[in-house]
Amino acid sequence: AGSAGAAAGVESAAQSAAVAGMIILAAAGDGSS
């Protein structure tokens, strides 16, 4: 519902960071499935 491609932009940044050697961890949420 937000800006188009925002989630893809986060994934792109995460992929670049992983290639550079960084591990990224994120909470899966606390509101059940």
PDB file of all heavy atoms in Angstrom:
ATOM      1  N   ALA A   1       0.830  -1.209   0.000  1.00  0.00           N
ATOM      2  CA  ALA A   1       0.000   0.000   0.000  1.00  0.00           C
ATOM      3  C   ALA A   1       0.866   1.261   0.000  1.00  0.00           C
ATOM      4  O   ALA A   1       0.409   2.332  -0.385  1.00  0.00           O
ATOM      5  CB  ALA A   1      -0.926   0.004   1.210  1.00  0.00           C
ATOM      6  N   GLY A   2       2.112   1.137   0.438  1.00  0.00           N
ATOM      7  CA  GLY A   2       3.029   2.275   0.477  1.00  0.00           C
ATOM      8  C   GLY A   2       3.604   2.548  -0.907  1.00  0.00           C
ATOM      9  O   GLY A   2       2.996   2.241  -1.933  1.00  0.00           O
ATOM     10  N   SER A   3       4.788   3.107  -0.935  1.00  0.00           N
ATOM     11  CA  SER A   3       5.403   3.451  -2.220  1.00  0.00           C
ATOM     12  C   SER A   3       5.748   2.192  -3.004  1.00  0.00           C
ATOM     13  O   SER A   3       6.232   1.206  -2.453  1.00  0.00           O
ATOM     14  CB  SER A   3       6.646   4.311  -2.001  1.00  0.00           C
ATOM     15  OG  SER A   3       7.614   3.596  -1.271  1.00  0.00           O
ATOM     16  N   ALA A   4       5.489   2.252  -4.290  1.00  0.00           N
ATOM     17  CA  ALA A   4       5.732   1.112  -5.175  1.00  0.00           C
ATOM     18  C   ALA A   4       7.211   0.735  -5.144  1.00  0.00           C
ATOM     19  O   ALA A   4       8.083   1.581  -5.237  1.00  0.00           O
ATOM     20  CB  ALA A   4       5.303   1.450  -6.598  1.00  0.00           C
ATOM     21  N   GLY A   5       7.479  -0.528  -4.965  1.00  0.00           N
ATOM     22  CA  GLY A   5       8.843  -1.020  -5.003  1.00  0.00           C
ATOM     23  C   GLY A   5       9.638  -0.830  -3.727  1.00  0.00           C
ATOM     24  O   GLY A   5      10.832  -1.117  -3.704  1.00  0.00           O
ATOM     25  N   ALA A   6       9.012  -0.352  -2.654  1.00  0.00           N
ATOM     26  CA  ALA A   6       9.751  -0.111  -1.410  1.00  0.00           C
ATOM     27  C   ALA A   6      10.339  -1.404  -0.849  1.00  0.00           C
ATOM     28  O   ALA A   6      11.499  -1.434  -0.443  1.00  0.00           O
ATOM     29  CB  ALA A   6       8.867   0.570  -0.373  1.00  0.00           C
ATOM     30  N   ALA A   7       9.563  -2.475  -0.817  1.00  0.00           N
ATOM     31  CA  ALA A   7      10.064  -3.748  -0.298  1.00  0.00           C
ATOM     32  C   ALA A   7      11.190  -4.282  -1.190  1.00  0.00           C
ATOM     33  O   ALA A   7      12.185  -4.803  -0.689  1.00  0.00           O
ATOM     34  CB  ALA A   7       8.936  -4.767  -0.182  1.00  0.00           C
ATOM     35  N   ALA A   8      11.048  -4.136  -2.496  1.00  0.00           N
ATOM     36  CA  ALA A   8      12.103  -4.566  -3.422  1.00  0.00           C
ATOM     37  C   ALA A   8      13.376  -3.758  -3.196  1.00  0.00           C
ATOM     38  O   ALA A   8      14.490  -4.278  -3.303  1.00  0.00           O
ATOM     39  CB  ALA A   8      11.627  -4.439  -4.864  1.00  0.00           C
ATOM     40  N   GLY A   9      13.225  -2.489  -2.846  1.00  0.00           N
ATOM     41  CA  GLY A   9      14.378  -1.648  -2.551  1.00  0.00           C
ATOM     42  C   GLY A   9      15.106  -2.105  -1.299  1.00  0.00           C
ATOM     43  O   GLY A   9      16.339  -2.067  -1.229  1.00  0.00           O
ATOM     44  N   VAL A  10      14.355  -2.545  -0.296  1.00  0.00           N
ATOM     45  CA  VAL A  10      14.959  -3.073   0.922  1.00  0.00           C
ATOM     46  C   VAL A  10      15.722  -4.350   0.597  1.00  0.00           C
ATOM     47  O   VAL A  10      16.863  -4.545   1.032  1.00  0.00           O
ATOM     48  CB  VAL A  10      13.901  -3.315   2.019  1.00  0.00           C
ATOM     49  CG1 VAL A  10      14.510  -4.037   3.218  1.00  0.00           C
ATOM     50  CG2 VAL A  10      13.267  -2.011   2.442  1.00  0.00           C
ATOM     51  N   GLU A  11      15.118  -5.236  -0.199  1.00  0.00           N
ATOM     52  CA  GLU A  11      15.791  -6.479  -0.587  1.00  0.00           C
ATOM     53  C   GLU A  11      17.050  -6.191  -1.391  1.00  0.00           C
ATOM     54  O   GLU A  11      18.083  -6.819  -1.190  1.00  0.00           O
ATOM     55  CB  GLU A  11      14.850  -7.391  -1.362  1.00  0.00           C
ATOM     56  CG  GLU A  11      15.513  -8.560  -2.081  1.00  0.00           C
ATOM     57  CD  GLU A  11      16.399  -9.467  -1.221  1.00  0.00           C
ATOM     58  OE1 GLU A  11      16.329  -9.454   0.019  1.00  0.00           O
ATOM     59  OE2 GLU A  11      17.204 -10.211  -1.825  1.00  0.00           O
ATOM     60  N   SER A  12      16.998  -5.232  -2.300  1.00  0.00           N
ATOM     61  CA  SER A  12      18.173  -4.881  -3.093  1.00  0.00           C
ATOM     62  C   SER A  12      19.317  -4.400  -2.204  1.00  0.00           C
ATOM     63  O   SER A  12      20.473  -4.802  -2.379  1.00  0.00           O
ATOM     64  CB  SER A  12      17.801  -3.804  -4.118  1.00  0.00           C
ATOM     65  OG  SER A  12      18.932  -3.441  -4.878  1.00  0.00           O
ATOM     66  N   ALA A  13      18.994  -3.557  -1.237  1.00  0.00           N
ATOM     67  CA  ALA A  13      20.018  -3.076  -0.301  1.00  0.00           C
ATOM     68  C   ALA A  13      20.564  -4.234   0.534  1.00  0.00           C
ATOM     69  O   ALA A  13      21.774  -4.323   0.773  1.00  0.00           O
ATOM     70  CB  ALA A  13      19.433  -1.995   0.603  1.00  0.00           C
ATOM     71  N   ALA A  14      19.671  -5.141   0.974  1.00  0.00           N
ATOM     72  CA  ALA A  14      20.096  -6.294   1.775  1.00  0.00           C
ATOM     73  C   ALA A  14      21.006  -7.215   0.973  1.00  0.00           C
ATOM     74  O   ALA A  14      22.004  -7.719   1.491  1.00  0.00           O
ATOM     75  CB  ALA A  14      18.876  -7.060   2.291  1.00  0.00           C
ATOM     76  N   GLN A  15      20.690  -7.412  -0.293  1.00  0.00           N
ATOM     77  CA  GLN A  15      21.521  -8.266  -1.141  1.00  0.00           C
ATOM     78  C   GLN A  15      22.914  -7.658  -1.309  1.00  0.00           C
ATOM     79  O   GLN A  15      23.923  -8.355  -1.184  1.00  0.00           O
ATOM     80  CB  GLN A  15      20.855  -8.472  -2.505  1.00  0.00           C
ATOM     81  CG  GLN A  15      21.617  -9.422  -3.396  1.00  0.00           C
ATOM     82  CD  GLN A  15      20.881  -9.735  -4.686  1.00  0.00           C
ATOM     83  OE1 GLN A  15      19.964  -9.032  -5.081  1.00  0.00           O
ATOM     84  NE2 GLN A  15      21.282 -10.793  -5.337  1.00  0.00           N
ATOM     85  N   SER A  16      22.979  -6.363  -1.563  1.00  0.00           N
ATOM     86  CA  SER A  16      24.275  -5.689  -1.694  1.00  0.00           C
ATOM     87  C   SER A  16      25.073  -5.766  -0.402  1.00  0.00           C
ATOM     88  O   SER A  16      26.287  -5.987  -0.422  1.00  0.00           O
ATOM     89  CB  SER A  16      24.077  -4.221  -2.093  1.00  0.00           C
ATOM     90  OG  SER A  16      23.507  -4.132  -3.376  1.00  0.00           O
ATOM     91  N   ALA A  17      24.390  -5.588   0.728  1.00  0.00           N
ATOM     92  CA  ALA A  17      25.067  -5.656   2.019  1.00  0.00           C
ATOM     93  C   ALA A  17      25.600  -7.061   2.287  1.00  0.00           C
ATOM     94  O   ALA A  17      26.706  -7.222   2.818  1.00  0.00           O
ATOM     95  CB  ALA A  17      24.115  -5.227   3.131  1.00  0.00           C
ATOM     96  N   ALA A  18      24.824  -8.085   1.925  1.00  0.00           N
ATOM     97  CA  ALA A  18      25.265  -9.469   2.117  1.00  0.00           C
ATOM     98  C   ALA A  18      26.508  -9.758   1.282  1.00  0.00           C
ATOM     99  O   ALA A  18      27.452 -10.402   1.765  1.00  0.00           O
ATOM    100  CB  ALA A  18      24.142 -10.441   1.766  1.00  0.00           C
ATOM    101  N   VAL A  19      26.526  -9.268   0.053  1.00  0.00           N
ATOM    102  CA  VAL A  19      27.693  -9.440  -0.811  1.00  0.00           C
ATOM    103  C   VAL A  19      28.916  -8.767  -0.180  1.00  0.00           C
ATOM    104  O   VAL A  19      30.039  -9.270  -0.263  1.00  0.00           O
ATOM    105  CB  VAL A  19      27.423  -8.890  -2.232  1.00  0.00           C
ATOM    106  CG1 VAL A  19      28.690  -8.802  -3.054  1.00  0.00           C
ATOM    107  CG2 VAL A  19      26.387  -9.757  -2.933  1.00  0.00           C
ATOM    108  N   ALA A  20      28.706  -7.632   0.486  1.00  0.00           N
ATOM    109  CA  ALA A  20      29.790  -6.908   1.154  1.00  0.00           C
ATOM    110  C   ALA A  20      30.192  -7.555   2.476  1.00  0.00           C
ATOM    111  O   ALA A  20      31.147  -7.120   3.113  1.00  0.00           O
ATOM    112  CB  ALA A  20      29.385  -5.457   1.379  1.00  0.00           C
ATOM    113  N   GLY A  21      29.458  -8.584   2.922  1.00  0.00           N
ATOM    114  CA  GLY A  21      29.840  -9.324   4.111  1.00  0.00           C
ATOM    115  C   GLY A  21      28.968  -9.125   5.334  1.00  0.00           C
ATOM    116  O   GLY A  21      29.252  -9.687   6.396  1.00  0.00           O
ATOM    117  N   MET A  22      27.898  -8.334   5.228  1.00  0.00           N
ATOM    118  CA  MET A  22      27.063  -8.061   6.401  1.00  0.00           C
ATOM    119  C   MET A  22      25.923  -9.071   6.517  1.00  0.00           C
ATOM    120  O   MET A  22      25.310  -9.451   5.522  1.00  0.00           O
ATOM    121  CB  MET A  22      26.478  -6.648   6.311  1.00  0.00           C
ATOM    122  CG  MET A  22      25.755  -6.220   7.574  1.00  0.00           C
ATOM    123  SD  MET A  22      25.405  -4.452   7.662  1.00  0.00           S
ATOM    124  CE  MET A  22      24.241  -4.233   6.336  1.00  0.00           C
ATOM    125  N   ILE A  23      25.648  -9.490   7.757  1.00  0.00           N
ATOM    126  CA  ILE A  23      24.485 -10.317   8.081  1.00  0.00           C
ATOM    127  C   ILE A  23      23.396  -9.374   8.566  1.00  0.00           C
ATOM    128  O   ILE A  23      23.653  -8.503   9.394  1.00  0.00           O
ATOM    129  CB  ILE A  23      24.807 -11.327   9.199  1.00  0.00           C
ATOM    130  CG1 ILE A  23      25.889 -12.312   8.756  1.00  0.00           C
ATOM    131  CG2 ILE A  23      23.545 -12.063   9.643  1.00  0.00           C
ATOM    132  CD1 ILE A  23      26.396 -13.201   9.887  1.00  0.00           C
ATOM    133  N   ILE A  24      22.171  -9.552   8.072  1.00  0.00           N
ATOM    134  CA  ILE A  24      21.040  -8.744   8.517  1.00  0.00           C
ATOM    135  C   ILE A  24      19.994  -9.678   9.105  1.00  0.00           C
ATOM    136  O   ILE A  24      19.604 -10.662   8.475  1.00  0.00           O
ATOM    137  CB  ILE A  24      20.426  -7.938   7.357  1.00  0.00           C
ATOM    138  CG1 ILE A  24      21.486  -7.060   6.691  1.00  0.00           C
ATOM    139  CG2 ILE A  24      19.248  -7.096   7.858  1.00  0.00           C
ATOM    140  CD1 ILE A  24      21.031  -6.424   5.390  1.00  0.00           C
ATOM    141  N   LEU A  25      19.559  -9.356  10.327  1.00  0.00           N
ATOM    142  CA  LEU A  25      18.518 -10.121  11.006  1.00  0.00           C
ATOM    143  C   LEU A  25      17.357  -9.195  11.293  1.00  0.00           C
ATOM    144  O   LEU A  25      17.559  -8.040  11.647  1.00  0.00           O
ATOM    145  CB  LEU A  25      19.058 -10.692  12.319  1.00  0.00           C
ATOM    146  CG  LEU A  25      20.262 -11.608  12.140  1.00  0.00           C
ATOM    147  CD1 LEU A  25      21.515 -10.946  12.662  1.00  0.00           C
ATOM    148  CD2 LEU A  25      20.022 -12.928  12.806  1.00  0.00           C
ATOM    149  N   ALA A  26      16.127  -9.703  11.149  1.00  0.00           N
ATOM    150  CA  ALA A  26      14.945  -8.873  11.406  1.00  0.00           C
ATOM    151  C   ALA A  26      13.864  -9.681  12.110  1.00  0.00           C
ATOM    152  O   ALA A  26      13.653 -10.859  11.821  1.00  0.00           O
ATOM    153  CB  ALA A  26      14.399  -8.300  10.100  1.00  0.00           C
ATOM    154  N   ALA A  27      13.172  -9.006  13.024  1.00  0.00           N
ATOM    155  CA  ALA A  27      12.067  -9.606  13.755  1.00  0.00           C
ATOM    156  C   ALA A  27      10.958 -10.019  12.792  1.00  0.00           C
ATOM    157  O   ALA A  27      10.624  -9.280  11.869  1.00  0.00           O
ATOM    158  CB  ALA A  27      11.527  -8.611  14.778  1.00  0.00           C
ATOM    159  N   ALA A  28      10.379 -11.196  13.024  1.00  0.00           N
ATOM    160  CA  ALA A  28       9.292 -11.698  12.183  1.00  0.00           C
ATOM    161  C   ALA A  28       7.932 -11.166  12.613  1.00  0.00           C
ATOM    162  O   ALA A  28       6.931 -11.411  11.955  1.00  0.00           O
ATOM    163  CB  ALA A  28       9.283 -13.223  12.182  1.00  0.00           C
ATOM    164  N   GLY A  29       7.882 -10.437  13.728  1.00  0.00           N
ATOM    165  CA  GLY A  29       6.627  -9.867  14.194  1.00  0.00           C
ATOM    166  C   GLY A  29       6.031 -10.651  15.353  1.00  0.00           C
ATOM    167  O   GLY A  29       6.331 -11.825  15.553  1.00  0.00           O
ATOM    168  N   ASP A  30       5.183  -9.972  16.113  1.00  0.00           N
ATOM    169  CA  ASP A  30       4.593 -10.551  17.314  1.00  0.00           C
ATOM    170  C   ASP A  30       3.069 -10.628  17.248  1.00  0.00           C
ATOM    171  O   ASP A  30       2.413 -10.828  18.261  1.00  0.00           O
ATOM    172  CB  ASP A  30       4.991  -9.715  18.535  1.00  0.00           C
ATOM    173  CG  ASP A  30       6.490  -9.681  18.747  1.00  0.00           C
ATOM    174  OD1 ASP A  30       7.193 -10.552  18.213  1.00  0.00           O
ATOM    175  OD2 ASP A  30       6.952  -8.770  19.464  1.00  0.00           O
ATOM    176  N   GLY A  31       2.490 -10.456  16.065  1.00  0.00           N
ATOM    177  CA  GLY A  31       1.040 -10.481  15.906  1.00  0.00           C
ATOM    178  C   GLY A  31       0.534 -11.772  15.305  1.00  0.00           C
ATOM    179  O   GLY A  31      -0.469 -11.778  14.596  1.00  0.00           O
ATOM    180  N   SER A  32       1.217 -12.875  15.555  1.00  0.00           N
ATOM    181  CA  SER A  32       0.874 -14.182  15.032  1.00  0.00           C
ATOM    182  C   SER A  32       0.995 -14.169  13.504  1.00  0.00           C
ATOM    183  O   SER A  32       1.475 -13.209  12.911  1.00  0.00           O
ATOM    184  CB  SER A  32      -0.519 -14.603  15.496  1.00  0.00           C
ATOM    185  OG  SER A  32      -0.727 -15.971  15.315  1.00  0.00           O
ATOM    186  N   SER A  33       0.575 -15.223  12.855  1.00  0.00           N
ATOM    187  CA  SER A  33       0.726 -15.299  11.400  1.00  0.00           C
ATOM    188  C   SER A  33      -0.191 -14.327  10.666  1.00  0.00           C
ATOM    189  O   SER A  33       0.005 -14.064   9.489  1.00  0.00           O
ATOM    190  CB  SER A  33       0.473 -16.727  10.906  1.00  0.00           C
ATOM    191  OG  SER A  33      -0.854 -17.109  11.196  1.00  0.00           O
TER     192      SER A  33
END
